[in-house]
Amino acid sequence: QPQLAESGGGLVQPGGSLTLSCTLSGVVFSIDALDLSWYRQAPGKQRELVATITHRGMTDYAETVEGRFTISRDSAKNTASLQMNSLKPEDTAVYYCKWANSWGQGTQVTVSK
């Protein structure tokens, strides 16, 4: 059973940066065996797809974060990251990583003065 654990969330001012991490455990496969995605869910809103890195290393982003966020992974450490720059208040949400239909518990990102 894959287990995912997100970390790195917190409070940041508009224009600031944060890097989220997602650690995969409980499997014999490498994190690059399957696609990994980051999602976010703001209060009162549906969970939305933010970024994906495919098993082949291709990346894709939601229009709202294109050019500001970067998804990457480290196969040796079985981790994935989401580098978030130029953060806006509307980026405030709980961020989740997803791999093989398994979800992490989420990490809160709050962008506020």
PDB file of N, CA and C in Angstrom:
ATOM      1  N   GLN A   1       0.841  -1.179   0.000  1.00  0.00           N
ATOM      2  CA  GLN A   1       0.000   0.000   0.000  1.00  0.00           C
ATOM      3  C   GLN A   1       0.892   1.250   0.000  1.00  0.00           C
ATOM      4  N   PRO A   2       0.825   2.043  -1.065  1.00  0.00           N
ATOM      5  CA  PRO A   2       1.662   3.256  -1.093  1.00  0.00           C
ATOM      6  C   PRO A   2       1.262   4.233  -0.001  1.00  0.00           C
ATOM      7  N   GLN A   3       2.253   4.853   0.585  1.00  0.00           N
ATOM      8  CA  GLN A   3       2.004   5.907   1.562  1.00  0.00           C
ATOM      9  C   GLN A   3       2.711   7.164   1.099  1.00  0.00           C
ATOM     10  N   LEU A   4       1.990   8.275   1.148  1.00  0.00           N
ATOM     11  CA  LEU A   4       2.523   9.556   0.728  1.00  0.00           C
ATOM     12  C   LEU A   4       2.460  10.525   1.899  1.00  0.00           C
ATOM     13  N   ALA A   5       3.513  11.293   2.060  1.00  0.00           N
ATOM     14  CA  ALA A   5       3.566  12.266   3.153  1.00  0.00           C
ATOM     15  C   ALA A   5       4.053  13.595   2.599  1.00  0.00           C
ATOM     16  N   GLU A   6       3.193  14.621   2.698  1.00  0.00           N
ATOM     17  CA  GLU A   6       3.563  15.956   2.253  1.00  0.00           C
ATOM     18  C   GLU A   6       4.158  16.744   3.416  1.00  0.00           C
ATOM     19  N   SER A   7       5.012  17.686   3.075  1.00  0.00           N
ATOM     20  CA  SER A   7       5.588  18.591   4.073  1.00  0.00           C
ATOM     21  C   SER A   7       5.984  19.879   3.374  1.00  0.00           C
ATOM     22  N   GLY A   8       6.293  20.892   4.175  1.00  0.00           N
ATOM     23  CA  GLY A   8       6.811  22.142   3.629  1.00  0.00           C
ATOM     24  C   GLY A   8       5.814  23.280   3.558  1.00  0.00           C
ATOM     25  N   GLY A   9       4.569  23.020   3.940  1.00  0.00           N
ATOM     26  CA  GLY A   9       3.601  24.096   3.922  1.00  0.00           C
ATOM     27  C   GLY A   9       3.865  25.115   5.013  1.00  0.00           C
ATOM     28  N   GLY A  10       3.125  26.225   4.963  1.00  0.00           N
ATOM     29  CA  GLY A  10       3.284  27.249   5.986  1.00  0.00           C
ATOM     30  C   GLY A  10       2.637  28.545   5.558  1.00  0.00           C
ATOM     31  N   LEU A  11       2.974  29.583   6.293  1.00  0.00           N
ATOM     32  CA  LEU A  11       2.457  30.926   6.035  1.00  0.00           C
ATOM     33  C   LEU A  11       3.532  31.732   5.311  1.00  0.00           C
ATOM     34  N   VAL A  12       3.153  32.363   4.223  1.00  0.00           N
ATOM     35  CA  VAL A  12       4.096  33.159   3.449  1.00  0.00           C
ATOM     36  C   VAL A  12       3.391  34.405   2.942  1.00  0.00           C
ATOM     37  N   GLN A  13       4.134  35.477   2.783  1.00  0.00           N
ATOM     38  CA  GLN A  13       3.570  36.721   2.271  1.00  0.00           C
ATOM     39  C   GLN A  13       3.395  36.657   0.761  1.00  0.00           C
ATOM     40  N   PRO A  14       2.481  37.423   0.223  1.00  0.00           N
ATOM     41  CA  PRO A  14       2.338  37.473  -1.242  1.00  0.00           C
ATOM     42  C   PRO A  14       3.665  37.819  -1.900  1.00  0.00           C
ATOM     43  N   GLY A  15       3.942  37.127  -2.991  1.00  0.00           N
ATOM     44  CA  GLY A  15       5.209  37.304  -3.670  1.00  0.00           C
ATOM     45  C   GLY A  15       6.304  36.380  -3.181  1.00  0.00           C
ATOM     46  N   GLY A  16       6.058  35.693  -2.079  1.00  0.00           N
ATOM     47  CA  GLY A  16       7.061  34.802  -1.513  1.00  0.00           C
ATOM     48  C   GLY A  16       7.085  33.444  -2.178  1.00  0.00           C
ATOM     49  N   SER A  17       7.926  32.570  -1.617  1.00  0.00           N
ATOM     50  CA  SER A  17       8.128  31.236  -2.180  1.00  0.00           C
ATOM     51  C   SER A  17       8.040  30.173  -1.104  1.00  0.00           C
ATOM     52  N   LEU A  18       7.638  28.996  -1.517  1.00  0.00           N
ATOM     53  CA  LEU A  18       7.639  27.810  -0.667  1.00  0.00           C
ATOM     54  C   LEU A  18       7.962  26.602  -1.532  1.00  0.00           C
ATOM     55  N   THR A  19       8.564  25.598  -0.911  1.00  0.00           N
ATOM     56  CA  THR A  19       8.783  24.335  -1.609  1.00  0.00           C
ATOM     57  C   THR A  19       8.115  23.216  -0.818  1.00  0.00           C
ATOM     58  N   LEU A  20       7.188  22.538  -1.454  1.00  0.00           N
ATOM     59  CA  LEU A  20       6.520  21.399  -0.840  1.00  0.00           C
ATOM     60  C   LEU A  20       7.227  20.114  -1.247  1.00  0.00           C
ATOM     61  N   SER A  21       7.233  19.158  -0.339  1.00  0.00           N
ATOM     62  CA  SER A  21       7.818  17.851  -0.611  1.00  0.00           C
ATOM     63  C   SER A  21       6.786  16.760  -0.410  1.00  0.00           C
ATOM     64  N   CYS A  22       6.944  15.692  -1.176  1.00  0.00           N
ATOM     65  CA  CYS A  22       6.065  14.531  -1.079  1.00  0.00           C
ATOM     66  C   CYS A  22       6.952  13.293  -1.059  1.00  0.00           C
ATOM     67  N   THR A  23       6.893  12.544   0.020  1.00  0.00           N
ATOM     68  CA  THR A  23       7.729  11.351   0.167  1.00  0.00           C
ATOM     69  C   THR A  23       6.885  10.100   0.019  1.00  0.00           C
ATOM     70  N   LEU A  24       7.338   9.203  -0.847  1.00  0.00           N
ATOM     71  CA  LEU A  24       6.645   7.944  -1.106  1.00  0.00           C
ATOM     72  C   LEU A  24       7.303   6.817  -0.327  1.00  0.00           C
ATOM     73  N   SER A  25       6.491   5.992   0.324  1.00  0.00           N
ATOM     74  CA  SER A  25       7.018   4.830   1.039  1.00  0.00           C
ATOM     75  C   SER A  25       6.005   3.691   0.938  1.00  0.00           C
ATOM     76  N   GLY A  26       6.424   2.513   1.399  1.00  0.00           N
ATOM     77  CA  GLY A  26       5.510   1.379   1.442  1.00  0.00           C
ATOM     78  C   GLY A  26       5.381   0.610   0.147  1.00  0.00           C
ATOM     79  N   VAL A  27       6.256   0.935  -0.838  1.00  0.00           N
ATOM     80  CA  VAL A  27       6.214   0.240  -2.112  1.00  0.00           C
ATOM     81  C   VAL A  27       7.623  -0.140  -2.528  1.00  0.00           C
ATOM     82  N   VAL A  28       7.703  -1.137  -3.412  1.00  0.00           N
ATOM     83  CA  VAL A  28       9.016  -1.516  -3.917  1.00  0.00           C
ATOM     84  C   VAL A  28       9.372  -0.762  -5.182  1.00  0.00           C
ATOM     85  N   PHE A  29       8.387  -0.044  -5.733  1.00  0.00           N
ATOM     86  CA  PHE A  29       8.614   0.685  -6.978  1.00  0.00           C
ATOM     87  C   PHE A  29       9.247   2.041  -6.700  1.00  0.00           C
ATOM     88  N   SER A  30       9.923   2.559  -7.723  1.00  0.00           N
ATOM     89  CA  SER A  30      10.446   3.918  -7.639  1.00  0.00           C
ATOM     90  C   SER A  30       9.324   4.910  -7.915  1.00  0.00           C
ATOM     91  N   ILE A  31       9.477   6.098  -7.398  1.00  0.00           N
ATOM     92  CA  ILE A  31       8.457   7.129  -7.573  1.00  0.00           C
ATOM     93  C   ILE A  31       8.262   7.469  -9.043  1.00  0.00           C
ATOM     94  N   ASP A  32       9.260   7.206  -9.879  1.00  0.00           N
ATOM     95  CA  ASP A  32       9.121   7.537 -11.295  1.00  0.00           C
ATOM     96  C   ASP A  32       8.473   6.408 -12.103  1.00  0.00           C
ATOM     97  N   ALA A  33       7.970   5.381 -11.422  1.00  0.00           N
ATOM     98  CA  ALA A  33       7.286   4.306 -12.134  1.00  0.00           C
ATOM     99  C   ALA A  33       5.919   4.745 -12.643  1.00  0.00           C
ATOM    100  N   LEU A  34       5.330   5.730 -11.984  1.00  0.00           N
ATOM    101  CA  LEU A  34       3.992   6.206 -12.343  1.00  0.00           C
ATOM    102  C   LEU A  34       3.963   7.729 -12.320  1.00  0.00           C
ATOM    103  N   ASP A  35       2.913   8.284 -12.877  1.00  0.00           N
ATOM    104  CA  ASP A  35       2.716   9.727 -12.814  1.00  0.00           C
ATOM    105  C   ASP A  35       2.467  10.157 -11.369  1.00  0.00           C
ATOM    106  N   LEU A  36       2.930  11.349 -11.031  1.00  0.00           N
ATOM    107  CA  LEU A  36       2.648  11.942  -9.723  1.00  0.00           C
ATOM    108  C   LEU A  36       2.072  13.323  -9.942  1.00  0.00           C
ATOM    109  N   SER A  37       1.042  13.631  -9.186  1.00  0.00           N
ATOM    110  CA  SER A  37       0.377  14.924  -9.320  1.00  0.00           C
ATOM    111  C   SER A  37       0.267  15.628  -7.980  1.00  0.00           C
ATOM    112  N   TRP A  38       0.257  16.940  -8.061  1.00  0.00           N
ATOM    113  CA  TRP A  38      -0.076  17.786  -6.911  1.00  0.00           C
ATOM    114  C   TRP A  38      -1.459  18.368  -7.170  1.00  0.00           C
ATOM    115  N   TYR A  39      -2.296  18.337  -6.142  1.00  0.00           N
ATOM    116  CA  TYR A  39      -3.614  18.936  -6.155  1.00  0.00           C
ATOM    117  C   TYR A  39      -3.686  19.934  -5.006  1.00  0.00           C
ATOM    118  N   ARG A  40      -4.690  20.780  -5.050  1.00  0.00           N
ATOM    119  CA  ARG A  40      -4.950  21.669  -3.928  1.00  0.00           C
ATOM    120  C   ARG A  40      -6.454  21.848  -3.758  1.00  0.00           C
ATOM    121  N   GLN A  41      -6.824  22.153  -2.521  1.00  0.00           N
ATOM    122  CA  GLN A  41      -8.231  22.383  -2.213  1.00  0.00           C
ATOM    123  C   GLN A  41      -8.340  23.561  -1.273  1.00  0.00           C
ATOM    124  N   ALA A  42      -8.979  24.604  -1.764  1.00  0.00           N
ATOM    125  CA  ALA A  42      -9.225  25.787  -0.954  1.00  0.00           C
ATOM    126  C   ALA A  42     -10.560  25.621  -0.232  1.00  0.00           C
ATOM    127  N   PRO A  43     -10.749  26.334   0.869  1.00  0.00           N
ATOM    128  CA  PRO A  43     -12.014  26.223   1.618  1.00  0.00           C
ATOM    129  C   PRO A  43     -13.215  26.507   0.727  1.00  0.00           C
ATOM    130  N   GLY A  44     -14.179  25.608   0.748  1.00  0.00           N
ATOM    131  CA  GLY A  44     -15.398  25.808  -0.014  1.00  0.00           C
ATOM    132  C   GLY A  44     -15.290  25.522  -1.491  1.00  0.00           C
ATOM    133  N   LYS A  45     -14.125  25.040  -1.920  1.00  0.00           N
ATOM    134  CA  LYS A  45     -13.925  24.779  -3.342  1.00  0.00           C
ATOM    135  C   LYS A  45     -13.575  23.318  -3.575  1.00  0.00           C
ATOM    136  N   GLN A  46     -13.736  22.892  -4.832  1.00  0.00           N
ATOM    137  CA  GLN A  46     -13.370  21.534  -5.181  1.00  0.00           C
ATOM    138  C   GLN A  46     -11.857  21.391  -5.277  1.00  0.00           C
ATOM    139  N   ARG A  47     -11.401  20.158  -5.068  1.00  0.00           N
ATOM    140  CA  ARG A  47      -9.984  19.885  -5.229  1.00  0.00           C
ATOM    141  C   ARG A  47      -9.622  20.039  -6.706  1.00  0.00           C
ATOM    142  N   GLU A  48      -8.501  20.714  -6.971  1.00  0.00           N
ATOM    143  CA  GLU A  48      -8.114  20.955  -8.343  1.00  0.00           C
ATOM    144  C   GLU A  48      -6.687  20.492  -8.610  1.00  0.00           C
ATOM    145  N   LEU A  49      -6.462  20.066  -9.829  1.00  0.00           N
ATOM    146  CA  LEU A  49      -5.138  19.619 -10.245  1.00  0.00           C
ATOM    147  C   LEU A  49      -4.229  20.829 -10.451  1.00  0.00           C
ATOM    148  N   VAL A  50      -3.041  20.758  -9.878  1.00  0.00           N
ATOM    149  CA  VAL A  50      -2.079  21.857  -9.968  1.00  0.00           C
ATOM    150  C   VAL A  50      -0.956  21.533 -10.951  1.00  0.00           C
ATOM    151  N   ALA A  51      -0.360  20.360 -10.788  1.00  0.00           N
ATOM    152  CA  ALA A  51       0.789  20.006 -11.630  1.00  0.00           C
ATOM    153  C   ALA A  51       0.953  18.486 -11.654  1.00  0.00           C
ATOM    154  N   THR A  52       1.507  17.993 -12.753  1.00  0.00           N
ATOM    155  CA  THR A  52       1.766  16.567 -12.927  1.00  0.00           C
ATOM    156  C   THR A  52       3.146  16.367 -13.517  1.00  0.00           C
ATOM    157  N   ILE A  53       3.834  15.336 -13.032  1.00  0.00           N
ATOM    158  CA  ILE A  53       5.058  14.878 -13.679  1.00  0.00           C
ATOM    159  C   ILE A  53       4.818  13.418 -14.056  1.00  0.00           C
ATOM    160  N   THR A  54       4.945  13.116 -15.347  1.00  0.00           N
ATOM    161  CA  THR A  54       4.653  11.770 -15.798  1.00  0.00           C
ATOM    162  C   THR A  54       5.811  10.825 -15.504  1.00  0.00           C
ATOM    163  N   HIS A  55       5.560   9.542 -15.689  1.00  0.00           N
ATOM    164  CA  HIS A  55       6.608   8.555 -15.438  1.00  0.00           C
ATOM    165  C   HIS A  55       7.781   8.770 -16.388  1.00  0.00           C
ATOM    166  N   ARG A  56       7.518   9.452 -17.516  1.00  0.00           N
ATOM    167  CA  ARG A  56       8.584   9.755 -18.464  1.00  0.00           C
ATOM    168  C   ARG A  56       9.248  11.098 -18.190  1.00  0.00           C
ATOM    169  N   GLY A  57       8.783  11.800 -17.178  1.00  0.00           N
ATOM    170  CA  GLY A  57       9.401  13.066 -16.824  1.00  0.00           C
ATOM    171  C   GLY A  57       8.792  14.293 -17.469  1.00  0.00           C
ATOM    172  N   MET A  58       7.705  14.108 -18.202  1.00  0.00           N
ATOM    173  CA  MET A  58       7.026  15.248 -18.783  1.00  0.00           C
ATOM    174  C   MET A  58       6.239  15.957 -17.686  1.00  0.00           C
ATOM    175  N   THR A  59       6.147  17.274 -17.790  1.00  0.00           N
ATOM    176  CA  THR A  59       5.435  18.053 -16.783  1.00  0.00           C
ATOM    177  C   THR A  59       4.286  18.831 -17.413  1.00  0.00           C
ATOM    178  N   ASP A  60       3.292  19.072 -16.602  1.00  0.00           N
ATOM    179  CA  ASP A  60       2.116  19.824 -17.052  1.00  0.00           C
ATOM    180  C   ASP A  60       1.579  20.608 -15.860  1.00  0.00           C
ATOM    181  N   TYR A  61       1.068  21.800 -16.142  1.00  0.00           N
ATOM    182  CA  TYR A  61       0.632  22.703 -15.073  1.00  0.00           C
ATOM    183  C   TYR A  61      -0.744  23.285 -15.375  1.00  0.00           C
ATOM    184  N   ALA A  62      -1.464  23.594 -14.309  1.00  0.00           N
ATOM    185  CA  ALA A  62      -2.683  24.358 -14.458  1.00  0.00           C
ATOM    186  C   ALA A  62      -2.315  25.760 -14.924  1.00  0.00           C
ATOM    187  N   GLU A  63      -3.211  26.360 -15.686  1.00  0.00           N
ATOM    188  CA  GLU A  63      -2.932  27.704 -16.202  1.00  0.00           C
ATOM    189  C   GLU A  63      -2.680  28.699 -15.068  1.00  0.00           C
ATOM    190  N   THR A  64      -3.337  28.501 -13.955  1.00  0.00           N
ATOM    191  CA  THR A  64      -3.235  29.450 -12.840  1.00  0.00           C
ATOM    192  C   THR A  64      -1.864  29.452 -12.179  1.00  0.00           C
ATOM    193  N   VAL A  65      -1.067  28.401 -12.411  1.00  0.00           N
ATOM    194  CA  VAL A  65       0.247  28.331 -11.770  1.00  0.00           C
ATOM    195  C   VAL A  65       1.381  28.257 -12.787  1.00  0.00           C
ATOM    196  N   GLU A  66       1.053  28.155 -14.058  1.00  0.00           N
ATOM    197  CA  GLU A  66       2.065  28.056 -15.105  1.00  0.00           C
ATOM    198  C   GLU A  66       3.047  29.217 -15.009  1.00  0.00           C
ATOM    199  N   GLY A  67       4.334  28.891 -15.029  1.00  0.00           N
ATOM    200  CA  GLY A  67       5.365  29.917 -14.946  1.00  0.00           C
ATOM    201  C   GLY A  67       5.752  30.301 -13.531  1.00  0.00           C
ATOM    202  N   ARG A  68       4.976  29.873 -12.539  1.00  0.00           N
ATOM    203  CA  ARG A  68       5.283  30.200 -11.130  1.00  0.00           C
ATOM    204  C   ARG A  68       5.653  28.951 -10.336  1.00  0.00           C
ATOM    205  N   PHE A  69       5.074  27.832 -10.665  1.00  0.00           N
ATOM    206  CA  PHE A  69       5.312  26.584  -9.946  1.00  0.00           C
ATOM    207  C   PHE A  69       6.154  25.642 -10.804  1.00  0.00           C
ATOM    208  N   THR A  70       6.965  24.833 -10.130  1.00  0.00           N
ATOM    209  CA  THR A  70       7.777  23.826 -10.821  1.00  0.00           C
ATOM    210  C   THR A  70       7.688  22.507 -10.073  1.00  0.00           C
ATOM    211  N   ILE A  71       7.293  21.457 -10.791  1.00  0.00           N
ATOM    212  CA  ILE A  71       7.232  20.123 -10.199  1.00  0.00           C
ATOM    213  C   ILE A  71       8.479  19.349 -10.593  1.00  0.00           C
ATOM    214  N   SER A  72       8.994  18.586  -9.647  1.00  0.00           N
ATOM    215  CA  SER A  72      10.182  17.787  -9.924  1.00  0.00           C
ATOM    216  C   SER A  72      10.159  16.558  -9.030  1.00  0.00           C
ATOM    217  N   ARG A  73      11.119  15.654  -9.256  1.00  0.00           N
ATOM    218  CA  ARG A  73      11.200  14.474  -8.388  1.00  0.00           C
ATOM    219  C   ARG A  73      12.648  14.030  -8.266  1.00  0.00           C
ATOM    220  N   ASP A  74      12.905  13.296  -7.209  1.00  0.00           N
ATOM    221  CA  ASP A  74      14.221  12.726  -6.949  1.00  0.00           C
ATOM    222  C   ASP A  74      14.006  11.228  -6.754  1.00  0.00           C
ATOM    223  N   SER A  75      14.308  10.467  -7.781  1.00  0.00           N
ATOM    224  CA  SER A  75      14.049   9.030  -7.729  1.00  0.00           C
ATOM    225  C   SER A  75      14.878   8.323  -6.666  1.00  0.00           C
ATOM    226  N   ALA A  76      16.082   8.803  -6.435  1.00  0.00           N
ATOM    227  CA  ALA A  76      16.946   8.170  -5.436  1.00  0.00           C
ATOM    228  C   ALA A  76      16.363   8.286  -4.034  1.00  0.00           C
ATOM    229  N   LYS A  77      15.669   9.392  -3.788  1.00  0.00           N
ATOM    230  CA  LYS A  77      15.078   9.616  -2.463  1.00  0.00           C
ATOM    231  C   LYS A  77      13.595   9.270  -2.432  1.00  0.00           C
ATOM    232  N   ASN A  78      13.043   8.896  -3.601  1.00  0.00           N
ATOM    233  CA  ASN A  78      11.605   8.624  -3.715  1.00  0.00           C
ATOM    234  C   ASN A  78      10.760   9.800  -3.234  1.00  0.00           C
ATOM    235  N   THR A  79      11.157  10.984  -3.639  1.00  0.00           N
ATOM    236  CA  THR A  79      10.427  12.181  -3.253  1.00  0.00           C
ATOM    237  C   THR A  79      10.091  13.014  -4.494  1.00  0.00           C
ATOM    238  N   ALA A  80       9.068  13.814  -4.357  1.00  0.00           N
ATOM    239  CA  ALA A  80       8.706  14.792  -5.376  1.00  0.00           C
ATOM    240  C   ALA A  80       8.565  16.138  -4.700  1.00  0.00           C
ATOM    241  N   SER A  81       8.758  17.194  -5.471  1.00  0.00           N
ATOM    242  CA  SER A  81       8.698  18.535  -4.911  1.00  0.00           C
ATOM    243  C   SER A  81       7.827  19.426  -5.765  1.00  0.00           C
ATOM    244  N   LEU A  82       7.314  20.459  -5.140  1.00  0.00           N
ATOM    245  CA  LEU A  82       6.587  21.497  -5.855  1.00  0.00           C
ATOM    246  C   LEU A  82       7.172  22.829  -5.394  1.00  0.00           C
ATOM    247  N   GLN A  83       7.975  23.436  -6.260  1.00  0.00           N
ATOM    248  CA  GLN A  83       8.550  24.745  -5.977  1.00  0.00           C
ATOM    249  C   GLN A  83       7.527  25.786  -6.374  1.00  0.00           C
ATOM    250  N   MET A  84       7.149  26.631  -5.430  1.00  0.00           N
ATOM    251  CA  MET A  84       6.114  27.644  -5.682  1.00  0.00           C
ATOM    252  C   MET A  84       6.697  29.029  -5.479  1.00  0.00           C
ATOM    253  N   ASN A  85       6.703  29.814  -6.532  1.00  0.00           N
ATOM    254  CA  ASN A  85       7.221  31.176  -6.495  1.00  0.00           C
ATOM    255  C   ASN A  85       6.118  32.180  -6.780  1.00  0.00           C
ATOM    256  N   SER A  86       6.386  33.419  -6.462  1.00  0.00           N
ATOM    257  CA  SER A  86       5.426  34.508  -6.735  1.00  0.00           C
ATOM    258  C   SER A  86       4.041  34.136  -6.221  1.00  0.00           C
ATOM    259  N   LEU A  87       3.994  33.684  -4.995  1.00  0.00           N
ATOM    260  CA  LEU A  87       2.728  33.199  -4.441  1.00  0.00           C
ATOM    261  C   LEU A  87       1.713  34.321  -4.288  1.00  0.00           C
ATOM    262  N   LYS A  88       0.455  33.960  -4.493  1.00  0.00           N
ATOM    263  CA  LYS A  88      -0.663  34.899  -4.415  1.00  0.00           C
ATOM    264  C   LYS A  88      -1.638  34.404  -3.344  1.00  0.00           C
ATOM    265  N   PRO A  89      -2.438  35.322  -2.797  1.00  0.00           N
ATOM    266  CA  PRO A  89      -3.427  34.888  -1.799  1.00  0.00           C
ATOM    267  C   PRO A  89      -4.340  33.775  -2.323  1.00  0.00           C
ATOM    268  N   GLU A  90      -4.614  33.780  -3.603  1.00  0.00           N
ATOM    269  CA  GLU A  90      -5.487  32.749  -4.168  1.00  0.00           C
ATOM    270  C   GLU A  90      -4.811  31.381  -4.266  1.00  0.00           C
ATOM    271  N   ASP A  91      -3.538  31.315  -3.949  1.00  0.00           N
ATOM    272  CA  ASP A  91      -2.855  30.015  -3.884  1.00  0.00           C
ATOM    273  C   ASP A  91      -3.084  29.340  -2.530  1.00  0.00           C
ATOM    274  N   THR A  92      -3.709  30.046  -1.606  1.00  0.00           N
ATOM    275  CA  THR A  92      -3.987  29.478  -0.288  1.00  0.00           C
ATOM    276  C   THR A  92      -4.878  28.248  -0.411  1.00  0.00           C
ATOM    277  N   ALA A  93      -4.421  27.137   0.147  1.00  0.00           N
ATOM    278  CA  ALA A  93      -5.158  25.882   0.041  1.00  0.00           C
ATOM    279  C   ALA A  93      -4.397  24.802   0.793  1.00  0.00           C
ATOM    280  N   VAL A  94      -5.034  23.659   0.939  1.00  0.00           N
ATOM    281  CA  VAL A  94      -4.332  22.455   1.373  1.00  0.00           C
ATOM    282  C   VAL A  94      -3.837  21.760   0.109  1.00  0.00           C
ATOM    283  N   TYR A  95      -2.552  21.443   0.101  1.00  0.00           N
ATOM    284  CA  TYR A  95      -1.920  20.836  -1.068  1.00  0.00           C
ATOM    285  C   TYR A  95      -1.693  19.346  -0.804  1.00  0.00           C
ATOM    286  N   TYR A  96      -2.063  18.540  -1.795  1.00  0.00           N
ATOM    287  CA  TYR A  96      -1.964  17.087  -1.694  1.00  0.00           C
ATOM    288  C   TYR A  96      -1.137  16.535  -2.854  1.00  0.00           C
ATOM    289  N   CYS A  97      -0.410  15.461  -2.600  1.00  0.00           N
ATOM    290  CA  CYS A  97       0.206  14.739  -3.708  1.00  0.00           C
ATOM    291  C   CYS A  97      -0.548  13.425  -3.899  1.00  0.00           C
ATOM    292  N   LYS A  98      -0.541  12.971  -5.149  1.00  0.00           N
ATOM    293  CA  LYS A  98      -1.257  11.755  -5.515  1.00  0.00           C
ATOM    294  C   LYS A  98      -0.355  10.887  -6.384  1.00  0.00           C
ATOM    295  N   TRP A  99      -0.327   9.585  -6.050  1.00  0.00           N
ATOM    296  CA  TRP A  99       0.473   8.621  -6.815  1.00  0.00           C
ATOM    297  C   TRP A  99      -0.244   7.290  -6.773  1.00  0.00           C
ATOM    298  N   ALA A 100      -0.512   6.706  -7.884  1.00  0.00           N
ATOM    299  CA  ALA A 100      -1.172   5.405  -7.981  1.00  0.00           C
ATOM    300  C   ALA A 100      -2.479   5.371  -7.200  1.00  0.00           C
ATOM    301  N   ASN A 101      -3.267   6.390  -7.332  1.00  0.00           N
ATOM    302  CA  ASN A 101      -4.570   6.512  -6.657  1.00  0.00           C
ATOM    303  C   ASN A 101      -4.455   6.619  -5.141  1.00  0.00           C
ATOM    304  N   SER A 102      -3.266   6.819  -4.620  1.00  0.00           N
ATOM    305  CA  SER A 102      -3.081   7.060  -3.193  1.00  0.00           C
ATOM    306  C   SER A 102      -2.822   8.546  -2.957  1.00  0.00           C
ATOM    307  N   TRP A 103      -3.320   9.033  -1.842  1.00  0.00           N
ATOM    308  CA  TRP A 103      -3.204  10.451  -1.495  1.00  0.00           C
ATOM    309  C   TRP A 103      -2.453  10.604  -0.178  1.00  0.00           C
ATOM    310  N   GLY A 104      -1.746  11.735  -0.080  1.00  0.00           N
ATOM    311  CA  GLY A 104      -1.172  12.083   1.202  1.00  0.00           C
ATOM    312  C   GLY A 104      -2.212  12.776   2.074  1.00  0.00           C
ATOM    313  N   GLN A 105      -1.788  13.195   3.254  1.00  0.00           N
ATOM    314  CA  GLN A 105      -2.715  13.827   4.194  1.00  0.00           C
ATOM    315  C   GLN A 105      -2.868  15.320   3.925  1.00  0.00           C
ATOM    316  N   GLY A 106      -1.989  15.879   3.117  1.00  0.00           N
ATOM    317  CA  GLY A 106      -2.078  17.285   2.768  1.00  0.00           C
ATOM    318  C   GLY A 106      -1.217  18.171   3.648  1.00  0.00           C
ATOM    319  N   THR A 107      -0.843  19.321   3.114  1.00  0.00           N
ATOM    320  CA  THR A 107      -0.087  20.327   3.863  1.00  0.00           C
ATOM    321  C   THR A 107      -0.683  21.691   3.535  1.00  0.00           C
ATOM    322  N   GLN A 108      -0.876  22.492   4.582  1.00  0.00           N
ATOM    323  CA  GLN A 108      -1.547  23.780   4.430  1.00  0.00           C
ATOM    324  C   GLN A 108      -0.577  24.843   3.939  1.00  0.00           C
ATOM    325  N   VAL A 109      -0.999  25.567   2.917  1.00  0.00           N
ATOM    326  CA  VAL A 109      -0.260  26.723   2.417  1.00  0.00           C
ATOM    327  C   VAL A 109      -1.178  27.940   2.563  1.00  0.00           C
ATOM    328  N   THR A 110      -0.690  28.941   3.269  1.00  0.00           N
ATOM    329  CA  THR A 110      -1.452  30.165   3.457  1.00  0.00           C
ATOM    330  C   THR A 110      -0.627  31.338   2.962  1.00  0.00           C
ATOM    331  N   VAL A 111      -1.182  32.097   2.037  1.00  0.00           N
ATOM    332  CA  VAL A 111      -0.501  33.262   1.485  1.00  0.00           C
ATOM    333  C   VAL A 111      -1.251  34.505   1.960  1.00  0.00           C
ATOM    334  N   SER A 112      -0.623  35.268   2.845  1.00  0.00           N
ATOM    335  CA  SER A 112      -1.288  36.413   3.446  1.00  0.00           C
ATOM    336  C   SER A 112      -0.259  37.376   3.983  1.00  0.00           C
ATOM    337  N   LYS A 113      -0.651  38.660   4.057  1.00  0.00           N
ATOM    338  CA  LYS A 113       0.239  39.678   4.626  1.00  0.00           C
ATOM    339  C   LYS A 113       0.307  39.532   6.121  1.00  0.00           C
TER     340      LYS A 113
END
